[in-house]
Amino acid sequence: MTLAEDKAKARALAFARRKAAQAAAGPDAHTLLAEVVAEHRGKPLSGYMPIRTEIDPLPVMAEAAEHGPVGVPVIEGKGLPLTFRSWTPHCTLVEGPFGAMIPASGEPVVPEVLIVPLVAFDRAGGRLGYGGGFYDRTLAGLRAAGPVTAIGFAFAAQEDEGLPREETDQPLDLIVTEAEIIAPPKDWS
């Protein structure tokens, strides 16, 4: 099986687990994420507008917006890194690529802390996304410019210990689920 086929199979299984976890989730699934983000209060933060069955970071983003800039990702084009547009809880939103909502207007934000959506994760800091490579390119560019903290946010059911990796995959610094905070080892191997 090719790497692309391995990733497609892992995505299909993870989507099913995520759907079931989202259906069973309580209203406080974001509690541990709030604790982690509070440690970075005032730093430029990026979150995301949840789509499909993604775990919802919006309550945490709203709290963070009271203390510093919060942005959401904007896809500028295939093969490009993400940019981030300023977001507030009551800003006007429009539909962006892939159905994710984005602010209709707003200042650019260069995040130091990123809440990263994902399809699956492993305890080594591996992340399986939707396959476009947007977060990998973005994290590589941000890390080349200075320190950033990438926090994967997911349901515990999205854990998968056999994730296939590519050379361009960027590790997560933390993974936060509704059940625990996972600090991967610092060596990405």
N, C-alpha and C. Protein backbone atom coordinates (compact mmCIF):
# COMPACT_ATOMS: atom_id res chain seq x y z
N MET A 1 0.84 -1.17 0.00
CA MET A 1 0.00 0.00 0.00
C MET A 1 0.89 1.25 0.00
N THR A 2 0.52 2.26 -0.76
CA THR A 2 1.29 3.50 -0.83
C THR A 2 1.01 4.36 0.40
N LEU A 3 1.86 5.37 0.62
CA LEU A 3 1.65 6.29 1.72
C LEU A 3 0.31 7.00 1.59
N ALA A 4 -0.04 7.41 0.38
CA ALA A 4 -1.34 8.07 0.15
C ALA A 4 -2.49 7.14 0.50
N GLU A 5 -2.38 5.87 0.14
CA GLU A 5 -3.43 4.91 0.48
C GLU A 5 -3.50 4.67 1.99
N ASP A 6 -2.33 4.60 2.64
CA ASP A 6 -2.29 4.45 4.10
C ASP A 6 -2.99 5.62 4.79
N LYS A 7 -2.70 6.83 4.31
CA LYS A 7 -3.32 8.02 4.91
C LYS A 7 -4.82 8.06 4.65
N ALA A 8 -5.24 7.68 3.46
CA ALA A 8 -6.67 7.66 3.14
C ALA A 8 -7.41 6.67 4.04
N LYS A 9 -6.83 5.51 4.27
CA LYS A 9 -7.45 4.51 5.13
C LYS A 9 -7.52 5.03 6.57
N ALA A 10 -6.43 5.62 7.05
CA ALA A 10 -6.40 6.17 8.41
C ALA A 10 -7.44 7.28 8.57
N ARG A 11 -7.60 8.13 7.54
CA ARG A 11 -8.61 9.20 7.59
C ARG A 11 -10.02 8.62 7.70
N ALA A 12 -10.32 7.64 6.87
CA ALA A 12 -11.66 7.06 6.87
C ALA A 12 -12.01 6.49 8.25
N LEU A 13 -11.09 5.77 8.85
CA LEU A 13 -11.33 5.20 10.18
C LEU A 13 -11.47 6.30 11.23
N ALA A 14 -10.62 7.33 11.14
CA ALA A 14 -10.66 8.43 12.11
C ALA A 14 -11.93 9.26 11.98
N PHE A 15 -12.40 9.48 10.76
CA PHE A 15 -13.65 10.23 10.58
C PHE A 15 -14.80 9.52 11.29
N ALA A 16 -14.85 8.21 11.18
CA ALA A 16 -15.92 7.45 11.83
C ALA A 16 -15.82 7.57 13.35
N ARG A 17 -14.61 7.46 13.89
CA ARG A 17 -14.42 7.60 15.34
C ARG A 17 -14.78 9.01 15.80
N ARG A 18 -14.37 10.02 15.01
CA ARG A 18 -14.65 11.41 15.37
C ARG A 18 -16.15 11.68 15.37
N LYS A 19 -16.86 11.15 14.39
CA LYS A 19 -18.30 11.35 14.31
C LYS A 19 -18.99 10.80 15.54
N ALA A 20 -18.61 9.59 15.95
CA ALA A 20 -19.21 8.98 17.14
C ALA A 20 -18.86 9.78 18.40
N ALA A 21 -17.62 10.24 18.50
CA ALA A 21 -17.20 11.02 19.67
C ALA A 21 -17.94 12.35 19.74
N GLN A 22 -18.11 12.98 18.59
CA GLN A 22 -18.81 14.27 18.57
C GLN A 22 -20.26 14.10 19.01
N ALA A 23 -20.90 13.03 18.59
CA ALA A 23 -22.29 12.77 18.97
C ALA A 23 -22.42 12.54 20.47
N ALA A 24 -21.39 11.98 21.09
CA ALA A 24 -21.44 11.66 22.52
C ALA A 24 -20.86 12.78 23.40
N ALA A 25 -20.28 13.80 22.81
CA ALA A 25 -19.57 14.83 23.56
C ALA A 25 -20.53 15.67 24.39
N GLY A 26 -20.06 16.04 25.56
CA GLY A 26 -20.81 16.95 26.41
C GLY A 26 -20.44 18.39 26.10
N PRO A 27 -21.11 19.33 26.76
CA PRO A 27 -20.87 20.74 26.48
C PRO A 27 -19.53 21.27 26.99
N ASP A 28 -18.84 20.50 27.80
CA ASP A 28 -17.58 20.97 28.37
C ASP A 28 -16.35 20.31 27.74
N ALA A 29 -16.45 19.86 26.51
CA ALA A 29 -15.33 19.18 25.85
C ALA A 29 -14.11 20.09 25.69
N HIS A 30 -14.32 21.39 25.80
CA HIS A 30 -13.23 22.36 25.61
C HIS A 30 -12.51 22.75 26.91
N THR A 31 -12.90 22.20 28.06
CA THR A 31 -12.39 22.64 29.36
C THR A 31 -10.86 22.57 29.46
N LEU A 32 -10.27 21.47 29.07
CA LEU A 32 -8.81 21.34 29.17
C LEU A 32 -8.10 22.27 28.20
N LEU A 33 -8.68 22.48 27.02
CA LEU A 33 -8.09 23.43 26.08
C LEU A 33 -8.07 24.83 26.69
N ALA A 34 -9.13 25.20 27.38
CA ALA A 34 -9.18 26.52 28.02
C ALA A 34 -8.03 26.68 29.02
N GLU A 35 -7.75 25.62 29.78
CA GLU A 35 -6.64 25.67 30.74
C GLU A 35 -5.30 25.89 30.03
N VAL A 36 -5.08 25.16 28.95
CA VAL A 36 -3.82 25.28 28.22
C VAL A 36 -3.69 26.66 27.59
N VAL A 37 -4.72 27.13 26.93
CA VAL A 37 -4.66 28.43 26.26
C VAL A 37 -4.49 29.56 27.28
N ALA A 38 -5.06 29.43 28.47
CA ALA A 38 -4.90 30.45 29.51
C ALA A 38 -3.43 30.67 29.87
N GLU A 39 -2.62 29.65 29.73
CA GLU A 39 -1.17 29.78 30.01
C GLU A 39 -0.47 30.66 28.98
N HIS A 40 -1.13 30.93 27.86
CA HIS A 40 -0.55 31.74 26.79
C HIS A 40 -1.31 33.06 26.62
N ARG A 41 -2.03 33.46 27.64
CA ARG A 41 -2.89 34.64 27.58
C ARG A 41 -2.14 35.86 27.04
N GLY A 42 -2.77 36.52 26.08
CA GLY A 42 -2.22 37.74 25.50
C GLY A 42 -1.39 37.51 24.26
N LYS A 43 -0.91 36.29 24.05
CA LYS A 43 -0.14 36.00 22.83
C LYS A 43 -1.10 35.90 21.65
N PRO A 44 -0.64 36.29 20.45
CA PRO A 44 -1.50 36.10 19.27
C PRO A 44 -1.83 34.62 19.09
N LEU A 45 -3.12 34.33 18.95
CA LEU A 45 -3.62 32.97 18.91
C LEU A 45 -4.37 32.74 17.61
N SER A 46 -4.26 31.56 17.06
CA SER A 46 -5.17 31.18 15.97
C SER A 46 -5.99 30.00 16.45
N GLY A 47 -7.24 30.03 16.08
CA GLY A 47 -8.14 28.92 16.32
C GLY A 47 -8.64 28.44 14.98
N TYR A 48 -9.83 27.91 14.95
CA TYR A 48 -10.44 27.51 13.68
C TYR A 48 -11.95 27.49 13.85
N MET A 49 -12.63 27.64 12.75
CA MET A 49 -14.09 27.55 12.73
C MET A 49 -14.42 26.09 12.43
N PRO A 50 -15.03 25.39 13.40
CA PRO A 50 -15.22 23.95 13.22
C PRO A 50 -16.14 23.62 12.04
N ILE A 51 -15.76 22.58 11.33
CA ILE A 51 -16.57 22.06 10.23
C ILE A 51 -16.82 20.58 10.51
N ARG A 52 -17.83 20.08 9.86
CA ARG A 52 -18.21 18.66 9.97
C ARG A 52 -18.34 18.28 11.44
N THR A 53 -17.56 17.32 11.89
CA THR A 53 -17.66 16.84 13.27
C THR A 53 -16.45 17.23 14.11
N GLU A 54 -15.74 18.29 13.73
CA GLU A 54 -14.57 18.72 14.50
C GLU A 54 -15.00 19.19 15.90
N ILE A 55 -14.13 18.96 16.86
CA ILE A 55 -14.35 19.44 18.21
C ILE A 55 -14.31 20.98 18.18
N ASP A 56 -15.16 21.60 18.97
CA ASP A 56 -15.41 23.04 18.88
C ASP A 56 -14.50 23.85 19.81
N PRO A 57 -13.59 24.68 19.25
CA PRO A 57 -12.74 25.53 20.07
C PRO A 57 -13.32 26.94 20.32
N LEU A 58 -14.51 27.24 19.77
CA LEU A 58 -15.02 28.61 19.81
C LEU A 58 -15.16 29.20 21.22
N PRO A 59 -15.61 28.44 22.24
CA PRO A 59 -15.66 29.06 23.58
C PRO A 59 -14.29 29.50 24.08
N VAL A 60 -13.27 28.73 23.77
CA VAL A 60 -11.91 29.07 24.19
C VAL A 60 -11.39 30.28 23.40
N MET A 61 -11.69 30.32 22.12
CA MET A 61 -11.28 31.45 21.30
C MET A 61 -11.94 32.74 21.78
N ALA A 62 -13.22 32.66 22.15
CA ALA A 62 -13.93 33.85 22.63
C ALA A 62 -13.30 34.38 23.91
N GLU A 63 -12.93 33.50 24.82
CA GLU A 63 -12.26 33.92 26.06
C GLU A 63 -10.90 34.54 25.73
N ALA A 64 -10.14 33.92 24.84
CA ALA A 64 -8.82 34.44 24.47
C ALA A 64 -8.91 35.80 23.81
N ALA A 65 -9.98 36.05 23.06
CA ALA A 65 -10.14 37.33 22.36
C ALA A 65 -10.31 38.50 23.32
N GLU A 66 -10.63 38.23 24.58
CA GLU A 66 -10.71 39.28 25.58
C GLU A 66 -9.33 39.74 26.04
N HIS A 67 -8.29 38.97 25.71
CA HIS A 67 -6.96 39.25 26.23
C HIS A 67 -5.89 39.48 25.16
N GLY A 68 -6.22 39.24 23.90
CA GLY A 68 -5.24 39.41 22.84
C GLY A 68 -5.85 39.06 21.50
N PRO A 69 -5.06 39.24 20.44
CA PRO A 69 -5.60 38.97 19.10
C PRO A 69 -5.83 37.48 18.85
N VAL A 70 -6.95 37.19 18.18
CA VAL A 70 -7.28 35.83 17.77
C VAL A 70 -7.56 35.86 16.28
N GLY A 71 -6.98 34.93 15.56
CA GLY A 71 -7.22 34.83 14.13
C GLY A 71 -7.76 33.47 13.78
N VAL A 72 -8.31 33.38 12.59
CA VAL A 72 -8.73 32.09 12.04
C VAL A 72 -8.05 31.91 10.68
N PRO A 73 -7.82 30.66 10.29
CA PRO A 73 -7.09 30.41 9.06
C PRO A 73 -7.90 30.76 7.81
N VAL A 74 -7.17 31.28 6.84
CA VAL A 74 -7.73 31.58 5.53
C VAL A 74 -6.88 30.85 4.50
N ILE A 75 -7.51 30.05 3.66
CA ILE A 75 -6.80 29.34 2.59
C ILE A 75 -6.69 30.30 1.42
N GLU A 76 -5.45 30.64 1.07
CA GLU A 76 -5.21 31.58 -0.03
C GLU A 76 -5.12 30.89 -1.38
N GLY A 77 -4.79 29.60 -1.36
CA GLY A 77 -4.68 28.85 -2.61
C GLY A 77 -3.97 27.54 -2.39
N LYS A 78 -4.14 26.63 -3.33
CA LYS A 78 -3.52 25.31 -3.26
C LYS A 78 -2.00 25.46 -3.20
N GLY A 79 -1.39 24.72 -2.30
CA GLY A 79 0.07 24.72 -2.18
C GLY A 79 0.64 25.89 -1.41
N LEU A 80 -0.21 26.77 -0.89
CA LEU A 80 0.26 27.94 -0.14
C LEU A 80 0.04 27.73 1.36
N PRO A 81 0.84 28.41 2.19
CA PRO A 81 0.55 28.36 3.63
C PRO A 81 -0.72 29.15 3.93
N LEU A 82 -1.28 28.89 5.08
CA LEU A 82 -2.44 29.63 5.54
C LEU A 82 -2.05 31.04 5.94
N THR A 83 -2.98 31.96 5.83
CA THR A 83 -2.86 33.24 6.50
C THR A 83 -3.93 33.25 7.58
N PHE A 84 -3.87 34.22 8.47
CA PHE A 84 -4.82 34.28 9.57
C PHE A 84 -5.43 35.67 9.64
N ARG A 85 -6.76 35.70 9.71
CA ARG A 85 -7.50 36.96 9.74
C ARG A 85 -8.11 37.14 11.13
N SER A 86 -8.05 38.36 11.64
CA SER A 86 -8.57 38.69 12.95
C SER A 86 -10.03 38.26 13.09
N TRP A 87 -10.33 37.64 14.23
CA TRP A 87 -11.67 37.12 14.53
C TRP A 87 -12.10 37.60 15.89
N THR A 88 -13.36 37.94 16.03
CA THR A 88 -14.00 38.18 17.32
C THR A 88 -15.30 37.40 17.32
N PRO A 89 -15.87 37.15 18.50
CA PRO A 89 -17.08 36.32 18.55
C PRO A 89 -18.26 36.86 17.74
N HIS A 90 -18.30 38.16 17.49
CA HIS A 90 -19.46 38.72 16.80
C HIS A 90 -19.11 39.29 15.42
N CYS A 91 -17.96 38.92 14.88
CA CYS A 91 -17.59 39.46 13.56
C CYS A 91 -18.45 38.83 12.46
N THR A 92 -18.54 39.53 11.36
CA THR A 92 -19.29 39.02 10.21
C THR A 92 -18.46 37.93 9.53
N LEU A 93 -19.10 36.79 9.27
CA LEU A 93 -18.41 35.66 8.66
C LEU A 93 -18.96 35.40 7.27
N VAL A 94 -18.08 34.89 6.41
CA VAL A 94 -18.46 34.45 5.07
C VAL A 94 -17.89 33.06 4.86
N GLU A 95 -18.44 32.33 3.91
CA GLU A 95 -17.95 30.98 3.66
C GLU A 95 -16.65 31.04 2.88
N GLY A 96 -15.65 30.31 3.38
CA GLY A 96 -14.37 30.21 2.70
C GLY A 96 -14.26 28.86 2.00
N PRO A 97 -13.08 28.54 1.49
CA PRO A 97 -12.88 27.24 0.86
C PRO A 97 -13.19 26.09 1.81
N PHE A 98 -13.67 25.01 1.28
CA PHE A 98 -13.99 23.78 2.00
C PHE A 98 -15.11 23.97 3.03
N GLY A 99 -15.86 25.06 2.94
CA GLY A 99 -17.00 25.27 3.81
C GLY A 99 -16.70 25.88 5.16
N ALA A 100 -15.46 26.16 5.46
CA ALA A 100 -15.12 26.79 6.74
C ALA A 100 -15.45 28.28 6.66
N MET A 101 -16.04 28.79 7.71
CA MET A 101 -16.37 30.21 7.77
C MET A 101 -15.11 31.00 8.10
N ILE A 102 -15.01 32.20 7.52
CA ILE A 102 -13.89 33.09 7.78
C ILE A 102 -14.43 34.50 7.98
N PRO A 103 -13.72 35.35 8.71
CA PRO A 103 -14.17 36.73 8.85
C PRO A 103 -14.23 37.42 7.49
N ALA A 104 -15.28 38.20 7.28
CA ALA A 104 -15.44 38.92 6.01
C ALA A 104 -14.33 39.93 5.82
N SER A 105 -13.82 40.49 6.90
CA SER A 105 -12.71 41.43 6.85
C SER A 105 -11.98 41.34 8.18
N GLY A 106 -10.81 41.94 8.23
CA GLY A 106 -10.06 41.93 9.48
C GLY A 106 -8.58 42.04 9.22
N GLU A 107 -7.88 42.44 10.24
CA GLU A 107 -6.43 42.58 10.16
C GLU A 107 -5.76 41.21 10.15
N PRO A 108 -4.58 41.13 9.54
CA PRO A 108 -3.84 39.87 9.61
C PRO A 108 -3.35 39.62 11.04
N VAL A 109 -3.28 38.37 11.41
CA VAL A 109 -2.74 37.94 12.70
C VAL A 109 -1.62 36.96 12.42
N VAL A 110 -0.49 37.14 13.07
CA VAL A 110 0.60 36.17 12.99
C VAL A 110 0.63 35.44 14.32
N PRO A 111 0.10 34.23 14.36
CA PRO A 111 -0.05 33.54 15.64
C PRO A 111 1.26 33.02 16.21
N GLU A 112 1.33 33.06 17.54
CA GLU A 112 2.40 32.41 18.27
C GLU A 112 1.91 31.10 18.87
N VAL A 113 0.60 31.00 19.03
CA VAL A 113 -0.05 29.80 19.55
C VAL A 113 -1.14 29.43 18.55
N LEU A 114 -1.15 28.18 18.12
CA LEU A 114 -2.14 27.72 17.15
C LEU A 114 -2.94 26.55 17.72
N ILE A 115 -4.26 26.67 17.69
CA ILE A 115 -5.14 25.54 17.96
C ILE A 115 -5.38 24.89 16.60
N VAL A 116 -4.91 23.67 16.47
CA VAL A 116 -4.88 23.01 15.16
C VAL A 116 -5.94 21.91 15.08
N PRO A 117 -6.82 21.98 14.08
CA PRO A 117 -7.77 20.90 13.88
C PRO A 117 -7.07 19.68 13.28
N LEU A 118 -7.69 18.53 13.43
CA LEU A 118 -7.07 17.33 12.87
C LEU A 118 -8.09 16.23 12.69
N VAL A 119 -7.68 15.25 11.93
CA VAL A 119 -8.51 14.06 11.72
C VAL A 119 -8.08 12.96 12.70
N ALA A 120 -6.77 12.81 12.88
CA ALA A 120 -6.23 11.82 13.81
C ALA A 120 -4.90 12.33 14.36
N PHE A 121 -4.50 11.77 15.51
CA PHE A 121 -3.23 12.14 16.12
C PHE A 121 -2.61 10.91 16.76
N ASP A 122 -1.30 11.01 17.04
CA ASP A 122 -0.65 9.99 17.86
C ASP A 122 0.10 10.68 18.99
N ARG A 123 0.51 9.91 19.96
CA ARG A 123 1.14 10.48 21.17
C ARG A 123 2.55 11.00 20.91
N ALA A 124 3.09 10.75 19.76
CA ALA A 124 4.41 11.28 19.41
C ALA A 124 4.31 12.70 18.85
N GLY A 125 3.08 13.22 18.71
CA GLY A 125 2.89 14.56 18.15
C GLY A 125 2.52 14.54 16.69
N GLY A 126 2.28 13.36 16.15
CA GLY A 126 1.88 13.25 14.75
C GLY A 126 0.44 13.67 14.57
N ARG A 127 0.18 14.24 13.42
CA ARG A 127 -1.16 14.74 13.09
C ARG A 127 -1.50 14.32 11.68
N LEU A 128 -2.71 13.84 11.52
CA LEU A 128 -3.23 13.55 10.19
C LEU A 128 -4.34 14.56 9.94
N GLY A 129 -4.16 15.37 8.89
CA GLY A 129 -5.15 16.37 8.54
C GLY A 129 -5.98 15.89 7.36
N TYR A 130 -6.50 16.85 6.62
CA TYR A 130 -7.38 16.52 5.50
C TYR A 130 -6.62 16.20 4.22
N GLY A 131 -5.32 16.44 4.20
CA GLY A 131 -4.52 16.03 3.05
C GLY A 131 -4.00 17.15 2.18
N GLY A 132 -4.33 18.40 2.49
CA GLY A 132 -3.86 19.52 1.68
C GLY A 132 -2.49 20.04 2.07
N GLY A 133 -1.99 19.67 3.25
CA GLY A 133 -0.68 20.12 3.71
C GLY A 133 -0.64 21.57 4.18
N PHE A 134 -1.80 22.20 4.34
CA PHE A 134 -1.82 23.63 4.70
C PHE A 134 -1.17 23.90 6.05
N TYR A 135 -1.51 23.13 7.07
CA TYR A 135 -0.91 23.37 8.39
C TYR A 135 0.56 23.00 8.41
N ASP A 136 0.97 21.98 7.68
CA ASP A 136 2.40 21.64 7.65
C ASP A 136 3.22 22.78 7.05
N ARG A 137 2.77 23.33 5.93
CA ARG A 137 3.49 24.47 5.32
C ARG A 137 3.47 25.68 6.25
N THR A 138 2.33 25.93 6.86
CA THR A 138 2.19 27.09 7.74
C THR A 138 3.08 26.97 8.96
N LEU A 139 3.05 25.82 9.62
CA LEU A 139 3.88 25.63 10.80
C LEU A 139 5.36 25.71 10.46
N ALA A 140 5.76 25.14 9.34
CA ALA A 140 7.17 25.21 8.93
C ALA A 140 7.60 26.67 8.77
N GLY A 141 6.78 27.48 8.12
CA GLY A 141 7.11 28.89 7.93
C GLY A 141 7.12 29.67 9.23
N LEU A 142 6.13 29.45 10.07
CA LEU A 142 6.09 30.16 11.36
C LEU A 142 7.27 29.76 12.24
N ARG A 143 7.59 28.48 12.27
CA ARG A 143 8.71 28.02 13.10
C ARG A 143 10.05 28.53 12.59
N ALA A 144 10.16 28.76 11.30
CA ALA A 144 11.40 29.32 10.76
C ALA A 144 11.58 30.77 11.20
N ALA A 145 10.48 31.45 11.51
CA ALA A 145 10.53 32.86 11.91
C ALA A 145 10.64 33.05 13.42
N GLY A 146 10.34 32.02 14.21
CA GLY A 146 10.40 32.16 15.66
C GLY A 146 9.61 31.07 16.34
N PRO A 147 9.61 31.09 17.67
CA PRO A 147 8.92 30.02 18.40
C PRO A 147 7.40 30.13 18.27
N VAL A 148 6.78 28.99 18.08
CA VAL A 148 5.32 28.87 18.06
C VAL A 148 4.95 27.60 18.82
N THR A 149 3.72 27.56 19.30
CA THR A 149 3.20 26.39 19.98
C THR A 149 2.00 25.90 19.20
N ALA A 150 2.08 24.68 18.69
CA ALA A 150 0.99 24.07 17.93
C ALA A 150 0.27 23.07 18.84
N ILE A 151 -1.01 23.37 19.11
CA ILE A 151 -1.82 22.55 20.00
C ILE A 151 -2.88 21.83 19.17
N GLY A 152 -2.75 20.54 19.02
CA GLY A 152 -3.78 19.76 18.35
C GLY A 152 -4.97 19.62 19.27
N PHE A 153 -6.17 19.85 18.75
CA PHE A 153 -7.38 19.75 19.55
C PHE A 153 -8.28 18.71 18.91
N ALA A 154 -8.63 17.69 19.68
CA ALA A 154 -9.36 16.55 19.12
C ALA A 154 -10.10 15.81 20.21
N PHE A 155 -10.99 14.95 19.80
CA PHE A 155 -11.60 14.00 20.72
C PHE A 155 -10.60 12.88 20.99
N ALA A 156 -10.61 12.33 22.18
CA ALA A 156 -9.71 11.22 22.52
C ALA A 156 -9.84 10.07 21.54
N ALA A 157 -11.03 9.86 21.02
CA ALA A 157 -11.28 8.76 20.08
C ALA A 157 -10.52 8.91 18.77
N GLN A 158 -9.97 10.08 18.51
CA GLN A 158 -9.23 10.30 17.27
C GLN A 158 -7.77 9.83 17.35
N GLU A 159 -7.37 9.33 18.50
CA GLU A 159 -6.00 8.82 18.64
C GLU A 159 -5.80 7.59 17.77
N ASP A 160 -4.64 7.54 17.11
CA ASP A 160 -4.28 6.42 16.23
C ASP A 160 -2.77 6.25 16.33
N GLU A 161 -2.36 5.15 16.90
CA GLU A 161 -0.93 4.95 17.13
C GLU A 161 -0.12 4.56 15.90
N GLY A 162 -0.74 4.34 14.79
CA GLY A 162 0.02 3.92 13.63
C GLY A 162 0.00 4.93 12.49
N LEU A 163 0.02 6.20 12.80
CA LEU A 163 -0.12 7.21 11.74
C LEU A 163 1.06 7.19 10.77
N PRO A 164 0.78 7.16 9.48
CA PRO A 164 1.85 7.29 8.49
C PRO A 164 2.37 8.72 8.47
N ARG A 165 3.68 8.89 8.25
CA ARG A 165 4.29 10.22 8.24
C ARG A 165 5.05 10.46 6.95
N GLU A 166 5.10 11.74 6.60
CA GLU A 166 5.92 12.19 5.49
C GLU A 166 7.00 13.12 6.03
N GLU A 167 8.03 13.34 5.25
CA GLU A 167 9.13 14.21 5.67
C GLU A 167 8.66 15.63 5.95
N THR A 168 7.62 16.08 5.27
CA THR A 168 7.14 17.45 5.43
C THR A 168 6.15 17.62 6.59
N ASP A 169 5.75 16.53 7.24
CA ASP A 169 4.80 16.63 8.36
C ASP A 169 5.43 17.38 9.53
N GLN A 170 4.67 18.29 10.10
CA GLN A 170 5.12 19.08 11.24
C GLN A 170 4.50 18.52 12.52
N PRO A 171 5.30 18.37 13.58
CA PRO A 171 4.77 17.81 14.83
C PRO A 171 3.94 18.82 15.61
N LEU A 172 3.06 18.29 16.43
CA LEU A 172 2.31 19.09 17.39
C LEU A 172 3.11 19.19 18.68
N ASP A 173 3.03 20.33 19.34
CA ASP A 173 3.73 20.51 20.62
C ASP A 173 2.91 19.96 21.78
N LEU A 174 1.60 20.00 21.64
CA LEU A 174 0.68 19.44 22.63
C LEU A 174 -0.53 18.89 21.89
N ILE A 175 -1.19 17.94 22.51
CA ILE A 175 -2.48 17.48 22.02
C ILE A 175 -3.43 17.58 23.20
N VAL A 176 -4.57 18.21 22.97
CA VAL A 176 -5.58 18.36 24.02
C VAL A 176 -6.86 17.68 23.55
N THR A 177 -7.38 16.82 24.40
CA THR A 177 -8.67 16.18 24.13
C THR A 177 -9.64 16.57 25.23
N GLU A 178 -10.84 16.07 25.16
CA GLU A 178 -11.80 16.31 26.23
C GLU A 178 -11.41 15.59 27.51
N ALA A 179 -10.46 14.65 27.40
CA ALA A 179 -10.10 13.81 28.54
C ALA A 179 -8.70 14.06 29.11
N GLU A 180 -7.77 14.58 28.30
CA GLU A 180 -6.40 14.73 28.79
C GLU A 180 -5.58 15.70 27.95
N ILE A 181 -4.46 16.10 28.53
CA ILE A 181 -3.46 16.92 27.85
C ILE A 181 -2.25 16.02 27.62
N ILE A 182 -1.84 15.90 26.38
CA ILE A 182 -0.74 15.00 26.01
C ILE A 182 0.44 15.86 25.58
N ALA A 183 1.58 15.65 26.23
CA ALA A 183 2.81 16.36 25.86
C ALA A 183 3.72 15.35 25.15
N PRO A 184 3.78 15.43 23.82
CA PRO A 184 4.63 14.49 23.08
C PRO A 184 6.11 14.68 23.43
N PRO A 185 6.91 13.67 23.21
CA PRO A 185 8.36 13.83 23.41
C PRO A 185 8.89 14.91 22.47
N LYS A 186 9.92 15.59 22.89
CA LYS A 186 10.46 16.71 22.09
C LYS A 186 11.18 16.26 20.83
N ASP A 187 11.63 15.03 20.80
CA ASP A 187 12.32 14.55 19.58
C ASP A 187 11.28 13.96 18.63
N TRP A 188 11.23 14.48 17.46
CA TRP A 188 10.28 14.06 16.42
C TRP A 188 10.96 12.97 15.63
N SER A 189 10.67 11.73 16.00
CA SER A 189 11.32 10.62 15.30
C SER A 189 10.31 9.62 14.83
